[in-house]
């Protein structure tokens, strides 16, 4: 016999898979907005699934950590592949590696800011 807890399906695995797929398409094809959207969906879904399964008490630390990893990865790619002093805004649309790494960094920054703001909002809530 099943336990007394109700059995329910989690929506998070679908969003994790969808976010990962969309982010891969965006990064592979070099479409900035698609890559950022996919990485945000993936990061948020991972934070949600970890919170729902009670591996973490709130999603904010996961968002911050995932955002930091993405941000650092994007910056490392830019620094190792280019001379940072020579990069201009004109290079953004012309160089595929630069636009891909900036989409990863931008996603990381957005996730990290969301994690910090969520944590602060949770701490200051009455």
PDB file of N, CA and C in Angstrom:
ATOM      1  N   UNK A   1       0.837  -1.171   0.000  1.00  0.00           N
ATOM      2  CA  UNK A   1       0.000   0.000   0.000  1.00  0.00           C
ATOM      3  C   UNK A   1       0.890   1.245   0.000  1.00  0.00           C
ATOM      4  N   UNK A   2       0.434   2.277  -0.682  1.00  0.00           N
ATOM      5  CA  UNK A   2       1.184   3.520  -0.761  1.00  0.00           C
ATOM      6  C   UNK A   2       1.160   4.246   0.571  1.00  0.00           C
ATOM      7  N   UNK A   3       2.118   5.101   0.764  1.00  0.00           N
ATOM      8  CA  UNK A   3       2.159   5.881   1.996  1.00  0.00           C
ATOM      9  C   UNK A   3       1.009   6.870   2.040  1.00  0.00           C
ATOM     10  N   UNK A   4       0.839   7.499   3.169  1.00  0.00           N
ATOM     11  CA  UNK A   4      -0.258   8.441   3.339  1.00  0.00           C
ATOM     12  C   UNK A   4      -0.038   9.756   2.594  1.00  0.00           C
ATOM     13  N   UNK A   5       1.188   9.995   2.149  1.00  0.00           N
ATOM     14  CA  UNK A   5       1.465  11.213   1.407  1.00  0.00           C
ATOM     15  C   UNK A   5       0.861  11.097   0.010  1.00  0.00           C
ATOM     16  N   UNK A   6       0.389  12.210  -0.479  1.00  0.00           N
ATOM     17  CA  UNK A   6      -0.168  12.189  -1.830  1.00  0.00           C
ATOM     18  C   UNK A   6       0.967  12.119  -2.849  1.00  0.00           C
ATOM     19  N   UNK A   7       0.741  11.362  -3.867  1.00  0.00           N
ATOM     20  CA  UNK A   7       1.733  11.208  -4.925  1.00  0.00           C
ATOM     21  C   UNK A   7       1.398  12.224  -6.008  1.00  0.00           C
ATOM     22  N   UNK A   8       2.382  13.008  -6.382  1.00  0.00           N
ATOM     23  CA  UNK A   8       2.145  14.006  -7.419  1.00  0.00           C
ATOM     24  C   UNK A   8       3.372  14.082  -8.311  1.00  0.00           C
ATOM     25  N   UNK A   9       3.134  14.494  -9.515  1.00  0.00           N
ATOM     26  CA  UNK A   9       4.228  14.624 -10.470  1.00  0.00           C
ATOM     27  C   UNK A   9       4.816  16.028 -10.374  1.00  0.00           C
ATOM     28  N   UNK A  10       6.110  16.115 -10.502  1.00  0.00           N
ATOM     29  CA  UNK A  10       6.791  17.401 -10.454  1.00  0.00           C
ATOM     30  C   UNK A  10       6.910  17.976 -11.861  1.00  0.00           C
ATOM     31  N   UNK A  11       6.659  19.273 -12.027  1.00  0.00           N
ATOM     32  CA  UNK A  11       6.809  19.879 -13.348  1.00  0.00           C
ATOM     33  C   UNK A  11       8.266  20.214 -13.692  1.00  0.00           C
ATOM     34  N   UNK A  12       9.160  20.200 -12.704  1.00  0.00           N
ATOM     35  CA  UNK A  12      10.519  20.690 -12.915  1.00  0.00           C
ATOM     36  C   UNK A  12      11.331  19.911 -13.941  1.00  0.00           C
ATOM     37  N   UNK A  13      11.271  18.591 -14.012  1.00  0.00           N
ATOM     38  CA  UNK A  13      12.102  17.888 -15.007  1.00  0.00           C
ATOM     39  C   UNK A  13      11.844  18.344 -16.441  1.00  0.00           C
ATOM     40  N   UNK A  14      10.593  18.644 -16.761  1.00  0.00           N
ATOM     41  CA  UNK A  14      10.277  19.142 -18.097  1.00  0.00           C
ATOM     42  C   UNK A  14      10.975  20.467 -18.365  1.00  0.00           C
ATOM     43  N   UNK A  15      10.938  21.369 -17.382  1.00  0.00           N
ATOM     44  CA  UNK A  15      11.568  22.674 -17.559  1.00  0.00           C
ATOM     45  C   UNK A  15      13.095  22.581 -17.566  1.00  0.00           C
ATOM     46  N   UNK A  16      13.649  21.665 -16.790  1.00  0.00           N
ATOM     47  CA  UNK A  16      15.104  21.456 -16.822  1.00  0.00           C
ATOM     48  C   UNK A  16      15.532  21.005 -18.214  1.00  0.00           C
ATOM     49  N   UNK A  17      14.828  20.017 -18.757  1.00  0.00           N
ATOM     50  CA  UNK A  17      15.168  19.508 -20.090  1.00  0.00           C
ATOM     51  C   UNK A  17      14.961  20.573 -21.159  1.00  0.00           C
ATOM     52  N   UNK A  18      13.853  21.294 -21.079  1.00  0.00           N
ATOM     53  CA  UNK A  18      13.567  22.345 -22.056  1.00  0.00           C
ATOM     54  C   UNK A  18      14.596  23.462 -21.973  1.00  0.00           C
ATOM     55  N   UNK A  19      14.946  23.881 -20.759  1.00  0.00           N
ATOM     56  CA  UNK A  19      15.945  24.942 -20.587  1.00  0.00           C
ATOM     57  C   UNK A  19      17.306  24.547 -21.104  1.00  0.00           C
ATOM     58  N   UNK A  20      17.709  23.299 -20.832  1.00  0.00           N
ATOM     59  CA  UNK A  20      19.005  22.826 -21.318  1.00  0.00           C
ATOM     60  C   UNK A  20      19.026  22.776 -22.843  1.00  0.00           C
ATOM     61  N   UNK A  21      17.943  22.297 -23.432  1.00  0.00           N
ATOM     62  CA  UNK A  21      17.871  22.209 -24.892  1.00  0.00           C
ATOM     63  C   UNK A  21      17.901  23.587 -25.540  1.00  0.00           C
ATOM     64  N   UNK A  22      17.100  24.498 -25.021  1.00  0.00           N
ATOM     65  CA  UNK A  22      17.049  25.854 -25.580  1.00  0.00           C
ATOM     66  C   UNK A  22      18.398  26.558 -25.424  1.00  0.00           C
ATOM     67  N   UNK A  23      19.027  26.384 -24.269  1.00  0.00           N
ATOM     68  CA  UNK A  23      20.325  27.044 -24.062  1.00  0.00           C
ATOM     69  C   UNK A  23      21.383  26.473 -24.994  1.00  0.00           C
ATOM     70  N   UNK A  24      21.369  25.167 -25.216  1.00  0.00           N
ATOM     71  CA  UNK A  24      22.336  24.577 -26.150  1.00  0.00           C
ATOM     72  C   UNK A  24      22.124  25.099 -27.557  1.00  0.00           C
ATOM     73  N   UNK A  25      20.876  25.196 -27.979  1.00  0.00           N
ATOM     74  CA  UNK A  25      20.586  25.720 -29.320  1.00  0.00           C
ATOM     75  C   UNK A  25      21.063  27.168 -29.429  1.00  0.00           C
ATOM     76  N   UNK A  26      20.756  27.976 -28.411  1.00  0.00           N
ATOM     77  CA  UNK A  26      21.147  29.387 -28.439  1.00  0.00           C
ATOM     78  C   UNK A  26      22.651  29.575 -28.439  1.00  0.00           C
ATOM     79  N   UNK A  27      23.351  28.828 -27.603  1.00  0.00           N
ATOM     80  CA  UNK A  27      24.808  28.966 -27.546  1.00  0.00           C
ATOM     81  C   UNK A  27      25.440  28.409 -28.815  1.00  0.00           C
ATOM     82  N   UNK A  28      24.972  27.262 -29.276  1.00  0.00           N
ATOM     83  CA  UNK A  28      25.554  26.640 -30.472  1.00  0.00           C
ATOM     84  C   UNK A  28      25.361  27.513 -31.707  1.00  0.00           C
ATOM     85  N   UNK A  29      24.176  28.066 -31.872  1.00  0.00           N
ATOM     86  CA  UNK A  29      23.911  28.905 -33.037  1.00  0.00           C
ATOM     87  C   UNK A  29      24.337  30.355 -32.847  1.00  0.00           C
ATOM     88  N   UNK A  30      24.701  30.720 -31.628  1.00  0.00           N
ATOM     89  CA  UNK A  30      25.154  32.081 -31.369  1.00  0.00           C
ATOM     90  C   UNK A  30      24.029  33.093 -31.327  1.00  0.00           C
ATOM     91  N   UNK A  31      22.836  32.668 -30.920  1.00  0.00           N
ATOM     92  CA  UNK A  31      21.696  33.577 -30.804  1.00  0.00           C
ATOM     93  C   UNK A  31      21.609  34.010 -29.346  1.00  0.00           C
ATOM     94  N   UNK A  32      21.997  35.241 -29.090  1.00  0.00           N
ATOM     95  CA  UNK A  32      22.173  35.753 -27.733  1.00  0.00           C
ATOM     96  C   UNK A  32      20.916  35.590 -26.878  1.00  0.00           C
ATOM     97  N   UNK A  33      19.783  36.074 -27.357  1.00  0.00           N
ATOM     98  CA  UNK A  33      18.568  36.057 -26.547  1.00  0.00           C
ATOM     99  C   UNK A  33      18.086  34.641 -26.251  1.00  0.00           C
ATOM    100  N   UNK A  34      18.205  33.757 -27.207  1.00  0.00           N
ATOM    101  CA  UNK A  34      17.787  32.362 -27.001  1.00  0.00           C
ATOM    102  C   UNK A  34      18.712  31.700 -25.983  1.00  0.00           C
ATOM    103  N   UNK A  35      19.999  31.954 -26.081  1.00  0.00           N
ATOM    104  CA  UNK A  35      20.951  31.372 -25.135  1.00  0.00           C
ATOM    105  C   UNK A  35      20.686  31.866 -23.719  1.00  0.00           C
ATOM    106  N   UNK A  36      20.455  33.161 -23.572  1.00  0.00           N
ATOM    107  CA  UNK A  36      20.189  33.724 -22.240  1.00  0.00           C
ATOM    108  C   UNK A  36      18.887  33.160 -21.689  1.00  0.00           C
ATOM    109  N   UNK A  37      17.841  33.131 -22.497  1.00  0.00           N
ATOM    110  CA  UNK A  37      16.561  32.584 -22.043  1.00  0.00           C
ATOM    111  C   UNK A  37      16.718  31.130 -21.609  1.00  0.00           C
ATOM    112  N   UNK A  38      17.386  30.325 -22.411  1.00  0.00           N
ATOM    113  CA  UNK A  38      17.556  28.915 -22.072  1.00  0.00           C
ATOM    114  C   UNK A  38      18.349  28.712 -20.796  1.00  0.00           C
ATOM    115  N   UNK A  39      19.416  29.481 -20.621  1.00  0.00           N
ATOM    116  CA  UNK A  39      20.218  29.344 -19.407  1.00  0.00           C
ATOM    117  C   UNK A  39      19.468  29.830 -18.170  1.00  0.00           C
ATOM    118  N   UNK A  40      18.659  30.879 -18.315  1.00  0.00           N
ATOM    119  CA  UNK A  40      17.841  31.337 -17.192  1.00  0.00           C
ATOM    120  C   UNK A  40      16.790  30.291 -16.820  1.00  0.00           C
ATOM    121  N   UNK A  41      16.160  29.708 -17.824  1.00  0.00           N
ATOM    122  CA  UNK A  41      15.171  28.670 -17.567  1.00  0.00           C
ATOM    123  C   UNK A  41      15.821  27.445 -16.930  1.00  0.00           C
ATOM    124  N   UNK A  42      16.979  27.060 -17.433  1.00  0.00           N
ATOM    125  CA  UNK A  42      17.686  25.911 -16.885  1.00  0.00           C
ATOM    126  C   UNK A  42      18.107  26.159 -15.437  1.00  0.00           C
ATOM    127  N   UNK A  43      18.716  27.306 -15.176  1.00  0.00           N
ATOM    128  CA  UNK A  43      19.168  27.618 -13.823  1.00  0.00           C
ATOM    129  C   UNK A  43      18.022  27.732 -12.842  1.00  0.00           C
ATOM    130  N   UNK A  44      16.951  28.387 -13.242  1.00  0.00           N
ATOM    131  CA  UNK A  44      15.789  28.512 -12.368  1.00  0.00           C
ATOM    132  C   UNK A  44      15.128  27.175 -12.103  1.00  0.00           C
ATOM    133  N   UNK A  45      15.078  26.324 -13.107  1.00  0.00           N
ATOM    134  CA  UNK A  45      14.470  25.009 -12.942  1.00  0.00           C
ATOM    135  C   UNK A  45      15.309  24.110 -12.048  1.00  0.00           C
ATOM    136  N   UNK A  46      16.611  24.178 -12.179  1.00  0.00           N
ATOM    137  CA  UNK A  46      17.480  23.396 -11.295  1.00  0.00           C
ATOM    138  C   UNK A  46      17.294  23.859  -9.852  1.00  0.00           C
ATOM    139  N   UNK A  47      17.229  25.166  -9.649  1.00  0.00           N
ATOM    140  CA  UNK A  47      16.993  25.682  -8.301  1.00  0.00           C
ATOM    141  C   UNK A  47      15.636  25.228  -7.775  1.00  0.00           C
ATOM    142  N   UNK A  48      14.640  25.222  -8.632  1.00  0.00           N
ATOM    143  CA  UNK A  48      13.305  24.787  -8.224  1.00  0.00           C
ATOM    144  C   UNK A  48      13.242  23.314  -7.879  1.00  0.00           C
ATOM    145  N   UNK A  49      13.878  22.488  -8.688  1.00  0.00           N
ATOM    146  CA  UNK A  49      13.825  21.050  -8.434  1.00  0.00           C
ATOM    147  C   UNK A  49      14.622  20.683  -7.186  1.00  0.00           C
ATOM    148  N   UNK A  50      15.722  21.382  -6.930  1.00  0.00           N
ATOM    149  CA  UNK A  50      16.491  21.116  -5.710  1.00  0.00           C
ATOM    150  C   UNK A  50      15.729  21.554  -4.466  1.00  0.00           C
ATOM    151  N   UNK A  51      14.978  22.644  -4.577  1.00  0.00           N
ATOM    152  CA  UNK A  51      14.180  23.107  -3.443  1.00  0.00           C
ATOM    153  C   UNK A  51      12.992  22.173  -3.206  1.00  0.00           C
ATOM    154  N   UNK A  52      12.346  21.761  -4.286  1.00  0.00           N
ATOM    155  CA  UNK A  52      11.192  20.878  -4.147  1.00  0.00           C
ATOM    156  C   UNK A  52      11.579  19.521  -3.548  1.00  0.00           C
ATOM    157  N   UNK A  53      12.726  19.012  -3.917  1.00  0.00           N
ATOM    158  CA  UNK A  53      13.168  17.718  -3.392  1.00  0.00           C
ATOM    159  C   UNK A  53      13.870  17.865  -2.043  1.00  0.00           C
ATOM    160  N   UNK A  54      13.897  19.078  -1.520  1.00  0.00           N
ATOM    161  CA  UNK A  54      14.424  19.411  -0.196  1.00  0.00           C
ATOM    162  C   UNK A  54      15.929  19.171  -0.056  1.00  0.00           C
ATOM    163  N   UNK A  55      16.661  19.316  -1.154  1.00  0.00           N
ATOM    164  CA  UNK A  55      18.120  19.318  -1.068  1.00  0.00           C
ATOM    165  C   UNK A  55      18.621  20.664  -0.555  1.00  0.00           C
ATOM    166  N   UNK A  56      17.806  21.695  -0.738  1.00  0.00           N
ATOM    167  CA  UNK A  56      18.117  23.024  -0.230  1.00  0.00           C
ATOM    168  C   UNK A  56      16.824  23.638   0.305  1.00  0.00           C
ATOM    169  N   UNK A  57      16.956  24.531   1.258  1.00  0.00           N
ATOM    170  CA  UNK A  57      15.762  25.093   1.881  1.00  0.00           C
ATOM    171  C   UNK A  57      15.121  26.206   1.055  1.00  0.00           C
ATOM    172  N   UNK A  58      15.902  26.888   0.243  1.00  0.00           N
ATOM    173  CA  UNK A  58      15.354  27.926  -0.634  1.00  0.00           C
ATOM    174  C   UNK A  58      16.147  27.934  -1.939  1.00  0.00           C
ATOM    175  N   UNK A  59      15.546  28.433  -3.002  1.00  0.00           N
ATOM    176  CA  UNK A  59      16.230  28.411  -4.304  1.00  0.00           C
ATOM    177  C   UNK A  59      17.300  29.489  -4.475  1.00  0.00           C
ATOM    178  N   UNK A  60      17.363  30.444  -3.555  1.00  0.00           N
ATOM    179  CA  UNK A  60      18.211  31.619  -3.764  1.00  0.00           C
ATOM    180  C   UNK A  60      19.698  31.288  -3.763  1.00  0.00           C
ATOM    181  N   UNK A  61      20.127  30.437  -2.882  1.00  0.00           N
ATOM    182  CA  UNK A  61      21.555  30.087  -2.860  1.00  0.00           C
ATOM    183  C   UNK A  61      21.946  29.314  -4.104  1.00  0.00           C
ATOM    184  N   UNK A  62      21.039  28.480  -4.587  1.00  0.00           N
ATOM    185  CA  UNK A  62      21.318  27.730  -5.815  1.00  0.00           C
ATOM    186  C   UNK A  62      21.404  28.669  -7.010  1.00  0.00           C
ATOM    187  N   UNK A  63      20.497  29.632  -7.080  1.00  0.00           N
ATOM    188  CA  UNK A  63      20.548  30.607  -8.175  1.00  0.00           C
ATOM    189  C   UNK A  63      21.848  31.403  -8.133  1.00  0.00           C
ATOM    190  N   UNK A  64      22.247  31.821  -6.956  1.00  0.00           N
ATOM    191  CA  UNK A  64      23.487  32.582  -6.811  1.00  0.00           C
ATOM    192  C   UNK A  64      24.696  31.740  -7.221  1.00  0.00           C
ATOM    193  N   UNK A  65      24.753  30.505  -6.762  1.00  0.00           N
ATOM    194  CA  UNK A  65      25.890  29.635  -7.090  1.00  0.00           C
ATOM    195  C   UNK A  65      25.936  29.314  -8.582  1.00  0.00           C
ATOM    196  N   UNK A  66      24.785  28.977  -9.159  1.00  0.00           N
ATOM    197  CA  UNK A  66      24.738  28.654 -10.588  1.00  0.00           C
ATOM    198  C   UNK A  66      25.095  29.883 -11.423  1.00  0.00           C
ATOM    199  N   UNK A  67      24.594  31.043 -10.999  1.00  0.00           N
ATOM    200  CA  UNK A  67      24.924  32.281 -11.698  1.00  0.00           C
ATOM    201  C   UNK A  67      26.401  32.609 -11.614  1.00  0.00           C
ATOM    202  N   UNK A  68      26.997  32.379 -10.451  1.00  0.00           N
ATOM    203  CA  UNK A  68      28.431  32.642 -10.295  1.00  0.00           C
ATOM    204  C   UNK A  68      29.257  31.718 -11.192  1.00  0.00           C
ATOM    205  N   UNK A  69      28.869  30.454 -11.258  1.00  0.00           N
ATOM    206  CA  UNK A  69      29.595  29.509 -12.118  1.00  0.00           C
ATOM    207  C   UNK A  69      29.502  29.927 -13.583  1.00  0.00           C
ATOM    208  N   UNK A  70      28.299  30.282 -14.031  1.00  0.00           N
ATOM    209  CA  UNK A  70      28.143  30.722 -15.423  1.00  0.00           C
ATOM    210  C   UNK A  70      28.899  32.015 -15.692  1.00  0.00           C
ATOM    211  N   UNK A  71      28.813  32.958 -14.763  1.00  0.00           N
ATOM    212  CA  UNK A  71      29.515  34.231 -14.943  1.00  0.00           C
ATOM    213  C   UNK A  71      31.016  34.047 -15.046  1.00  0.00           C
ATOM    214  N   UNK A  72      31.565  33.248 -14.154  1.00  0.00           N
ATOM    215  CA  UNK A  72      33.013  33.002 -14.173  1.00  0.00           C
ATOM    216  C   UNK A  72      33.414  32.260 -15.451  1.00  0.00           C
ATOM    217  N   UNK A  73      32.602  31.280 -15.863  1.00  0.00           N
ATOM    218  CA  UNK A  73      32.922  30.535 -17.082  1.00  0.00           C
ATOM    219  C   UNK A  73      32.954  31.455 -18.299  1.00  0.00           C
ATOM    220  N   UNK A  74      31.969  32.337 -18.409  1.00  0.00           N
ATOM    221  CA  UNK A  74      31.942  33.264 -19.537  1.00  0.00           C
ATOM    222  C   UNK A  74      33.119  34.223 -19.533  1.00  0.00           C
ATOM    223  N   UNK A  75      33.464  34.737 -18.358  1.00  0.00           N
ATOM    224  CA  UNK A  75      34.597  35.667 -18.251  1.00  0.00           C
ATOM    225  C   UNK A  75      35.910  34.949 -18.563  1.00  0.00           C
ATOM    226  N   UNK A  76      36.056  33.724 -18.085  1.00  0.00           N
ATOM    227  CA  UNK A  76      37.283  32.958 -18.368  1.00  0.00           C
ATOM    228  C   UNK A  76      37.445  32.740 -19.871  1.00  0.00           C
ATOM    229  N   UNK A  77      36.353  32.440 -20.549  1.00  0.00           N
ATOM    230  CA  UNK A  77      36.430  32.247 -22.003  1.00  0.00           C
ATOM    231  C   UNK A  77      36.855  33.544 -22.693  1.00  0.00           C
ATOM    232  N   UNK A  78      36.267  34.666 -22.288  1.00  0.00           N
ATOM    233  CA  UNK A  78      36.638  35.946 -22.910  1.00  0.00           C
ATOM    234  C   UNK A  78      38.101  36.263 -22.647  1.00  0.00           C
ATOM    235  N   UNK A  79      38.561  36.106 -21.414  1.00  0.00           N
ATOM    236  CA  UNK A  79      39.931  36.478 -21.055  1.00  0.00           C
ATOM    237  C   UNK A  79      40.953  35.566 -21.729  1.00  0.00           C
ATOM    238  N   UNK A  80      40.642  34.280 -21.855  1.00  0.00           N
ATOM    239  CA  UNK A  80      41.615  33.362 -22.455  1.00  0.00           C
ATOM    240  C   UNK A  80      41.614  33.411 -23.980  1.00  0.00           C
ATOM    241  N   UNK A  81      40.532  33.859 -24.583  1.00  0.00           N
ATOM    242  CA  UNK A  81      40.446  33.857 -26.046  1.00  0.00           C
ATOM    243  C   UNK A  81      40.729  35.215 -26.687  1.00  0.00           C
ATOM    244  N   UNK A  82      40.637  36.277 -25.895  1.00  0.00           N
ATOM    245  CA  UNK A  82      40.778  37.621 -26.453  1.00  0.00           C
ATOM    246  C   UNK A  82      41.638  38.483 -25.554  1.00  0.00           C
ATOM    247  N   UNK A  83      42.156  39.536 -26.127  1.00  0.00           N
ATOM    248  CA  UNK A  83      42.803  40.580 -25.340  1.00  0.00           C
ATOM    249  C   UNK A  83      41.674  41.489 -24.843  1.00  0.00           C
ATOM    250  N   UNK A  84      41.401  41.480 -23.545  1.00  0.00           N
ATOM    251  CA  UNK A  84      40.254  42.244 -23.037  1.00  0.00           C
ATOM    252  C   UNK A  84      40.303  43.739 -23.359  1.00  0.00           C
ATOM    253  N   UNK A  85      41.487  44.298 -23.525  1.00  0.00           N
ATOM    254  CA  UNK A  85      41.573  45.724 -23.837  1.00  0.00           C
ATOM    255  C   UNK A  85      41.235  46.011 -25.294  1.00  0.00           C
ATOM    256  N   UNK A  86      41.279  44.980 -26.147  1.00  0.00           N
ATOM    257  CA  UNK A  86      41.021  45.183 -27.565  1.00  0.00           C
ATOM    258  C   UNK A  86      39.578  44.876 -27.961  1.00  0.00           C
ATOM    259  N   UNK A  87      38.772  44.360 -27.052  1.00  0.00           N
ATOM    260  CA  UNK A  87      37.390  43.998 -27.363  1.00  0.00           C
ATOM    261  C   UNK A  87      36.525  45.257 -27.370  1.00  0.00           C
ATOM    262  N   UNK A  88      35.763  45.432 -28.447  1.00  0.00           N
ATOM    263  CA  UNK A  88      34.849  46.573 -28.566  1.00  0.00           C
ATOM    264  C   UNK A  88      33.438  46.056 -28.822  1.00  0.00           C
ATOM    265  N   UNK A  89      32.478  46.952 -28.780  1.00  0.00           N
ATOM    266  CA  UNK A  89      31.099  46.560 -29.065  1.00  0.00           C
ATOM    267  C   UNK A  89      30.932  46.107 -30.509  1.00  0.00           C
ATOM    268  N   UNK A  90      31.761  46.592 -31.403  1.00  0.00           N
ATOM    269  CA  UNK A  90      31.692  46.164 -32.795  1.00  0.00           C
ATOM    270  C   UNK A  90      32.052  44.689 -32.944  1.00  0.00           C
ATOM    271  N   UNK A  91      32.885  44.171 -32.052  1.00  0.00           N
ATOM    272  CA  UNK A  91      33.283  42.766 -32.110  1.00  0.00           C
ATOM    273  C   UNK A  91      32.157  41.832 -31.697  1.00  0.00           C
ATOM    274  N   UNK A  92      31.171  42.359 -30.978  1.00  0.00           N
ATOM    275  CA  UNK A  92      30.122  41.519 -30.425  1.00  0.00           C
ATOM    276  C   UNK A  92      29.372  40.737 -31.504  1.00  0.00           C
ATOM    277  N   UNK A  93      28.959  41.385 -32.543  1.00  0.00           N
ATOM    278  CA  UNK A  93      28.214  40.707 -33.607  1.00  0.00           C
ATOM    279  C   UNK A  93      29.090  39.979 -34.592  1.00  0.00           C
ATOM    280  N   UNK A  94      30.376  40.270 -34.608  1.00  0.00           N
ATOM    281  CA  UNK A  94      31.276  39.703 -35.604  1.00  0.00           C
ATOM    282  C   UNK A  94      31.976  38.431 -35.145  1.00  0.00           C
ATOM    283  N   UNK A  95      32.164  38.282 -33.854  1.00  0.00           N
ATOM    284  CA  UNK A  95      32.932  37.167 -33.334  1.00  0.00           C
ATOM    285  C   UNK A  95      32.011  36.222 -32.572  1.00  0.00           C
ATOM    286  N   UNK A  96      31.894  34.985 -33.053  1.00  0.00           N
ATOM    287  CA  UNK A  96      30.985  34.019 -32.461  1.00  0.00           C
ATOM    288  C   UNK A  96      31.345  33.627 -31.049  1.00  0.00           C
ATOM    289  N   UNK A  97      32.619  33.426 -30.774  1.00  0.00           N
ATOM    290  CA  UNK A  97      33.032  33.021 -29.427  1.00  0.00           C
ATOM    291  C   UNK A  97      32.730  34.129 -28.430  1.00  0.00           C
ATOM    292  N   UNK A  98      32.955  35.367 -28.833  1.00  0.00           N
ATOM    293  CA  UNK A  98      32.696  36.494 -27.933  1.00  0.00           C
ATOM    294  C   UNK A  98      31.211  36.602 -27.595  1.00  0.00           C
ATOM    295  N   UNK A  99      30.355  36.519 -28.589  1.00  0.00           N
ATOM    296  CA  UNK A  99      28.921  36.654 -28.314  1.00  0.00           C
ATOM    297  C   UNK A  99      28.401  35.471 -27.504  1.00  0.00           C
ATOM    298  N   UNK A 100      28.926  34.285 -27.751  1.00  0.00           N
ATOM    299  CA  UNK A 100      28.498  33.118 -26.982  1.00  0.00           C
ATOM    300  C   UNK A 100      28.940  33.224 -25.520  1.00  0.00           C
ATOM    301  N   UNK A 101      30.173  33.632 -25.308  1.00  0.00           N
ATOM    302  CA  UNK A 101      30.660  33.743 -23.931  1.00  0.00           C
ATOM    303  C   UNK A 101      29.973  34.882 -23.190  1.00  0.00           C
ATOM    304  N   UNK A 102      29.638  35.952 -23.886  1.00  0.00           N
ATOM    305  CA  UNK A 102      28.911  37.043 -23.239  1.00  0.00           C
ATOM    306  C   UNK A 102      27.483  36.642 -22.894  1.00  0.00           C
ATOM    307  N   UNK A 103      26.878  35.783 -23.699  1.00  0.00           N
ATOM    308  CA  UNK A 103      25.533  35.308 -23.348  1.00  0.00           C
ATOM    309  C   UNK A 103      25.582  34.443 -22.093  1.00  0.00           C
ATOM    310  N   UNK A 104      26.630  33.642 -21.945  1.00  0.00           N
ATOM    311  CA  UNK A 104      26.787  32.829 -20.737  1.00  0.00           C
ATOM    312  C   UNK A 104      27.035  33.738 -19.529  1.00  0.00           C
ATOM    313  N   UNK A 105      27.891  34.742 -19.699  1.00  0.00           N
ATOM    314  CA  UNK A 105      28.171  35.679 -18.593  1.00  0.00           C
ATOM    315  C   UNK A 105      26.938  36.484 -18.207  1.00  0.00           C
ATOM    316  N   UNK A 106      26.191  36.943 -19.191  1.00  0.00           N
ATOM    317  CA  UNK A 106      24.981  37.721 -18.904  1.00  0.00           C
ATOM    318  C   UNK A 106      23.958  36.870 -18.154  1.00  0.00           C
ATOM    319  N   UNK A 107      23.804  35.626 -18.566  1.00  0.00           N
ATOM    320  CA  UNK A 107      22.883  34.728 -17.860  1.00  0.00           C
ATOM    321  C   UNK A 107      23.334  34.522 -16.426  1.00  0.00           C
ATOM    322  N   UNK A 108      24.622  34.339 -16.248  1.00  0.00           N
ATOM    323  CA  UNK A 108      25.156  34.166 -14.908  1.00  0.00           C
ATOM    324  C   UNK A 108      24.918  35.381 -14.036  1.00  0.00           C
ATOM    325  N   UNK A 109      25.116  36.565 -14.608  1.00  0.00           N
ATOM    326  CA  UNK A 109      24.895  37.794 -13.838  1.00  0.00           C
ATOM    327  C   UNK A 109      23.429  37.946 -13.442  1.00  0.00           C
ATOM    328  N   UNK A 110      22.530  37.642 -14.364  1.00  0.00           N
ATOM    329  CA  UNK A 110      21.100  37.763 -14.069  1.00  0.00           C
ATOM    330  C   UNK A 110      20.692  36.767 -12.988  1.00  0.00           C
ATOM    331  N   UNK A 111      21.165  35.519 -13.094  1.00  0.00           N
ATOM    332  CA  UNK A 111      20.830  34.508 -12.081  1.00  0.00           C
ATOM    333  C   UNK A 111      21.400  34.889 -10.717  1.00  0.00           C
ATOM    334  N   UNK A 112      22.626  35.401 -10.694  1.00  0.00           N
ATOM    335  CA  UNK A 112      23.239  35.787  -9.423  1.00  0.00           C
ATOM    336  C   UNK A 112      22.488  36.947  -8.784  1.00  0.00           C
ATOM    337  N   UNK A 113      22.112  37.931  -9.572  1.00  0.00           N
ATOM    338  CA  UNK A 113      21.346  39.063  -9.041  1.00  0.00           C
ATOM    339  C   UNK A 113      19.988  38.584  -8.540  1.00  0.00           C
ATOM    340  N   UNK A 114      19.343  37.682  -9.280  1.00  0.00           N
ATOM    341  CA  UNK A 114      18.057  37.136  -8.831  1.00  0.00           C
ATOM    342  C   UNK A 114      18.214  36.395  -7.509  1.00  0.00           C
ATOM    343  N   UNK A 115      19.302  35.660  -7.359  1.00  0.00           N
ATOM    344  CA  UNK A 115      19.550  34.953  -6.110  1.00  0.00           C
ATOM    345  C   UNK A 115      19.752  35.898  -4.944  1.00  0.00           C
ATOM    346  N   UNK A 116      20.503  36.961  -5.150  1.00  0.00           N
ATOM    347  CA  UNK A 116      20.752  37.941  -4.077  1.00  0.00           C
ATOM    348  C   UNK A 116      19.472  38.688  -3.725  1.00  0.00           C
ATOM    349  N   UNK A 117      18.750  39.152  -4.732  1.00  0.00           N
ATOM    350  CA  UNK A 117      17.510  39.897  -4.474  1.00  0.00           C
ATOM    351  C   UNK A 117      16.480  39.001  -3.787  1.00  0.00           C
ATOM    352  N   UNK A 118      16.358  37.770  -4.235  1.00  0.00           N
ATOM    353  CA  UNK A 118      15.424  36.850  -3.589  1.00  0.00           C
ATOM    354  C   UNK A 118      15.788  36.573  -2.157  1.00  0.00           C
ATOM    355  N   UNK A 119      17.077  36.382  -1.899  1.00  0.00           N
ATOM    356  CA  UNK A 119      17.536  36.145  -0.528  1.00  0.00           C
ATOM    357  C   UNK A 119      17.251  37.349   0.361  1.00  0.00           C
ATOM    358  N   UNK A 120      17.559  38.556  -0.134  1.00  0.00           N
ATOM    359  CA  UNK A 120      17.306  39.762   0.639  1.00  0.00           C
ATOM    360  C   UNK A 120      15.811  39.990   0.876  1.00  0.00           C
ATOM    361  N   UNK A 121      15.010  39.724  -0.137  1.00  0.00           N
ATOM    362  CA  UNK A 121      13.565  39.877   0.010  1.00  0.00           C
ATOM    363  C   UNK A 121      13.015  38.883   1.035  1.00  0.00           C
ATOM    364  N   UNK A 122      13.546  37.687   1.025  1.00  0.00           N
ATOM    365  CA  UNK A 122      13.104  36.672   1.991  1.00  0.00           C
ATOM    366  C   UNK A 122      13.501  37.048   3.413  1.00  0.00           C
ATOM    367  N   UNK A 123      14.674  37.653   3.576  1.00  0.00           N
ATOM    368  CA  UNK A 123      15.156  38.033   4.897  1.00  0.00           C
ATOM    369  C   UNK A 123      14.409  39.244   5.461  1.00  0.00           C
ATOM    370  N   UNK A 124      13.983  40.142   4.600  1.00  0.00           N
ATOM    371  CA  UNK A 124      13.333  41.373   5.058  1.00  0.00           C
ATOM    372  C   UNK A 124      11.819  41.268   5.098  1.00  0.00           C
ATOM    373  N   UNK A 125      11.271  40.144   4.637  1.00  0.00           N
ATOM    374  CA  UNK A 125       9.810  39.971   4.647  1.00  0.00           C
ATOM    375  C   UNK A 125       9.330  39.856   6.102  1.00  0.00           C
ATOM    376  N   UNK A 126       8.181  40.464   6.395  1.00  0.00           N
ATOM    377  CA  UNK A 126       7.675  40.422   7.785  1.00  0.00           C
ATOM    378  C   UNK A 126       7.211  39.043   8.190  1.00  0.00           C
TER     379      UNK A 126
END
